[in-house]
N, C-alpha and C. Protein backbone atom coordinates (compact mmCIF):
# COMPACT_ATOMS: atom_id res chain seq x y z
N UNK A 1 17.07 6.42 -15.90
CA UNK A 1 16.02 6.81 -16.59
C UNK A 1 15.40 5.83 -17.35
N UNK A 2 14.16 5.46 -17.37
CA UNK A 2 13.38 4.78 -18.99
C UNK A 2 12.10 6.15 -19.25
N UNK A 3 12.17 6.26 -20.17
CA UNK A 3 11.03 6.91 -20.29
C UNK A 3 9.95 6.20 -21.45
N UNK A 4 8.54 6.07 -21.63
CA UNK A 4 7.73 5.22 -22.09
C UNK A 4 6.78 6.29 -22.39
N UNK A 5 6.00 6.12 -23.04
CA UNK A 5 4.82 6.99 -23.60
C UNK A 5 4.09 8.41 -22.49
N UNK A 6 4.26 7.44 -21.21
CA UNK A 6 3.77 8.53 -20.13
C UNK A 6 4.26 8.00 -19.13
N UNK A 7 5.12 7.40 -18.64
CA UNK A 7 5.97 7.10 -17.31
C UNK A 7 7.08 7.56 -17.49
N UNK A 8 8.29 7.64 -16.10
CA UNK A 8 9.45 8.01 -16.57
C UNK A 8 9.81 7.04 -15.31
N UNK A 9 10.15 5.88 -15.52
CA UNK A 9 11.24 4.87 -14.73
C UNK A 9 12.48 5.26 -13.83
N UNK A 10 12.83 5.17 -12.80
CA UNK A 10 13.81 5.64 -12.40
C UNK A 10 14.38 4.67 -11.38
N UNK A 11 15.65 4.23 -12.44
CA UNK A 11 16.75 3.15 -11.87
C UNK A 11 17.76 3.42 -10.76
N UNK A 12 18.11 2.79 -10.15
CA UNK A 12 19.28 2.76 -9.40
C UNK A 12 20.72 2.61 -10.21
N UNK A 13 21.74 3.51 -9.90
CA UNK A 13 23.22 3.08 -10.69
C UNK A 13 23.59 2.34 -10.24
N UNK A 14 23.63 1.69 -9.22
CA UNK A 14 24.43 0.99 -8.69
C UNK A 14 24.04 -0.93 -8.70
N UNK A 15 22.51 -0.89 -9.34
CA UNK A 15 22.39 -2.31 -9.50
C UNK A 15 20.94 -2.61 -10.14
N UNK A 16 20.92 -1.02 -10.84
CA UNK A 16 19.84 -1.22 -11.60
C UNK A 16 18.72 -1.24 -11.33
N UNK A 17 17.88 -1.33 -10.18
CA UNK A 17 16.96 -1.22 -9.58
C UNK A 17 15.88 -0.48 -10.03
N UNK A 18 14.48 -0.60 -9.50
CA UNK A 18 13.43 0.00 -9.63
C UNK A 18 13.90 0.91 -8.57
N UNK A 19 13.82 2.77 -8.96
CA UNK A 19 14.07 3.49 -7.49
C UNK A 19 12.49 4.53 -7.55
N UNK A 20 11.89 4.31 -8.45
CA UNK A 20 10.47 5.22 -8.62
C UNK A 20 10.03 5.14 -9.99
N UNK A 21 8.78 5.81 -10.35
CA UNK A 21 8.08 6.09 -11.75
C UNK A 21 7.29 7.32 -11.32
N UNK A 22 6.88 8.17 -12.67
CA UNK A 22 6.37 9.05 -12.30
C UNK A 22 5.55 9.26 -13.67
N UNK A 23 4.56 9.64 -13.76
CA UNK A 23 3.22 9.91 -14.86
C UNK A 23 3.95 11.37 -15.63
N UNK A 24 3.61 11.40 -16.87
CA UNK A 24 4.14 12.55 -17.32
C UNK A 24 3.47 12.73 -18.67
N UNK A 25 3.03 14.05 -18.54
CA UNK A 25 2.63 14.40 -20.50
C UNK A 25 3.73 14.99 -20.94
N UNK A 26 3.50 15.02 -22.50
CA UNK A 26 4.36 15.37 -23.47
C UNK A 26 3.51 16.36 -24.21
N UNK A 27 4.46 17.46 -24.66
CA UNK A 27 3.38 18.19 -25.60
C UNK A 27 5.31 19.05 -26.29
N UNK A 28 5.49 18.56 -27.54
CA UNK A 28 6.40 18.52 -27.87
C UNK A 28 7.76 18.52 -27.26
N UNK A 29 8.52 19.66 -26.86
CA UNK A 29 9.74 19.39 -25.97
C UNK A 29 9.61 19.84 -24.78
N UNK A 30 8.54 19.72 -24.21
CA UNK A 30 7.88 19.69 -22.82
C UNK A 30 7.46 18.20 -22.14
N UNK A 31 8.01 18.28 -20.74
CA UNK A 31 7.61 17.36 -20.14
C UNK A 31 6.85 17.97 -19.04
N UNK A 32 5.63 17.22 -18.63
CA UNK A 32 5.07 17.79 -17.62
C UNK A 32 5.01 16.99 -16.34
N UNK A 33 5.38 16.95 -15.11
CA UNK A 33 5.04 16.03 -14.45
C UNK A 33 4.37 16.97 -13.42
N UNK A 34 3.59 16.16 -12.60
CA UNK A 34 2.53 16.96 -11.55
C UNK A 34 3.36 18.70 -10.51
N UNK A 35 4.29 17.74 -10.72
CA UNK A 35 5.41 19.10 -10.10
C UNK A 35 6.70 19.76 -10.36
N UNK A 36 6.86 19.64 -11.80
CA UNK A 36 7.80 20.37 -12.29
C UNK A 36 7.25 20.70 -13.58
N UNK A 37 7.66 21.07 -14.79
CA UNK A 37 8.07 20.93 -16.35
C UNK A 37 9.50 21.25 -16.55
N UNK A 38 9.75 19.66 -17.56
CA UNK A 38 11.15 19.42 -17.89
C UNK A 38 11.06 19.75 -19.26
N UNK A 39 12.33 20.50 -20.03
CA UNK A 39 12.47 20.59 -21.75
C UNK A 39 13.49 19.41 -21.60
N UNK A 40 13.19 19.16 -22.99
CA UNK A 40 14.13 17.77 -23.74
C UNK A 40 14.91 19.04 -24.53
N UNK A 41 16.21 18.62 -24.22
CA UNK A 41 17.71 19.75 -24.91
C UNK A 41 17.71 18.78 -25.90
N UNK A 42 17.55 16.93 -25.50
CA UNK A 42 18.70 16.42 -26.73
C UNK A 42 17.99 15.15 -26.44
N UNK A 43 17.34 14.86 -27.54
CA UNK A 43 15.90 13.36 -27.91
C UNK A 43 16.98 12.77 -28.84
N UNK A 44 17.83 11.50 -28.94
CA UNK A 44 18.33 10.26 -29.42
C UNK A 44 17.71 9.52 -29.74
N UNK A 45 18.14 8.10 -30.17
CA UNK A 45 17.90 7.23 -29.82
C UNK A 45 18.93 6.30 -28.48
N UNK A 46 19.75 6.85 -28.59
CA UNK A 46 20.78 6.36 -27.17
C UNK A 46 20.57 7.36 -26.33
N UNK A 47 20.42 8.94 -26.37
CA UNK A 47 20.90 9.64 -25.00
C UNK A 47 19.31 10.51 -25.14
N UNK A 48 19.18 11.20 -23.96
CA UNK A 48 18.33 12.24 -23.98
C UNK A 48 18.87 13.09 -23.05
N UNK A 49 18.48 14.51 -23.31
CA UNK A 49 19.27 15.15 -21.73
C UNK A 49 18.32 16.08 -21.45
N UNK A 50 17.88 16.53 -20.11
CA UNK A 50 16.86 17.08 -19.31
C UNK A 50 17.17 18.05 -18.79
N UNK A 51 16.57 19.32 -18.82
CA UNK A 51 16.49 21.10 -18.44
C UNK A 51 15.51 20.84 -17.46
N UNK A 52 15.86 21.34 -16.36
CA UNK A 52 14.65 21.82 -15.90
C UNK A 52 14.97 22.51 -14.41
N UNK A 53 14.21 23.09 -13.65
CA UNK A 53 14.48 24.20 -12.44
C UNK A 53 14.55 22.88 -10.95
N UNK A 54 15.64 23.41 -10.23
CA UNK A 54 15.96 22.49 -9.18
C UNK A 54 15.07 22.64 -8.14
N UNK A 55 14.28 21.63 -7.80
CA UNK A 55 13.37 21.18 -7.58
C UNK A 55 13.86 21.08 -5.66
N UNK A 56 15.12 20.79 -5.77
CA UNK A 56 15.37 20.78 -4.29
C UNK A 56 16.26 22.08 -3.61
N UNK A 57 15.77 22.90 -4.12
CA UNK A 57 16.53 24.63 -4.20
C UNK A 57 15.82 25.07 -2.75
N UNK A 58 17.47 25.15 -2.13
CA UNK A 58 16.78 25.87 -0.67
C UNK A 58 15.95 27.56 -1.05
N UNK A 59 15.26 27.59 0.22
CA UNK A 59 14.73 29.00 -0.13
C UNK A 59 15.73 30.10 0.24
N UNK A 60 15.30 31.46 -0.43
CA UNK A 60 16.27 32.33 -0.64
C UNK A 60 17.64 32.57 -1.41
N UNK A 61 17.58 30.51 -2.23
CA UNK A 61 18.93 30.56 -2.90
C UNK A 61 18.86 31.35 -3.88
N UNK A 62 19.94 31.42 -4.90
CA UNK A 62 19.87 31.74 -6.08
C UNK A 62 18.88 31.03 -7.05
N UNK A 63 18.33 31.17 -8.18
CA UNK A 63 18.02 30.10 -9.05
C UNK A 63 18.84 29.45 -9.59
N UNK A 64 18.31 28.43 -9.98
CA UNK A 64 19.35 27.47 -10.56
C UNK A 64 18.75 26.23 -11.43
N UNK A 65 18.92 26.18 -13.00
CA UNK A 65 18.66 24.92 -13.54
C UNK A 65 19.90 24.08 -13.23
N UNK A 66 19.03 22.64 -13.48
CA UNK A 66 19.73 21.38 -13.79
C UNK A 66 19.64 20.67 -14.96
N UNK A 67 20.22 19.91 -15.19
CA UNK A 67 20.86 19.42 -16.51
C UNK A 67 20.98 18.01 -16.47
N UNK A 68 20.23 16.87 -16.71
CA UNK A 68 20.55 15.17 -16.58
C UNK A 68 20.82 14.62 -18.36
N UNK A 69 21.65 14.27 -18.07
CA UNK A 69 22.25 13.30 -19.51
C UNK A 69 22.25 11.87 -19.58
N UNK A 70 21.30 11.40 -19.85
CA UNK A 70 21.15 9.82 -20.25
C UNK A 70 21.52 9.22 -21.36
N UNK A 71 22.16 8.32 -21.29
CA UNK A 71 22.84 7.08 -22.26
C UNK A 71 22.75 6.06 -22.06
N UNK A 72 22.32 5.41 -23.09
CA UNK A 72 22.62 3.79 -23.31
C UNK A 72 23.23 3.34 -24.43
């Protein structure tokens, strides 16, 4: 994932090709996408960690948070 001022770019792990992008807004440690709100729990020059509610949760399943950790 590459974050710019207002867009998140998603890249494939195998070859680095672009797999999608999504516009967002940020206020403090909150990133708001059209369908989710994400909390930034770490943000440095070489890493960022994001925490959010599982968007692919099965109905009736236990609530769970997802943590993504990106480095370069």
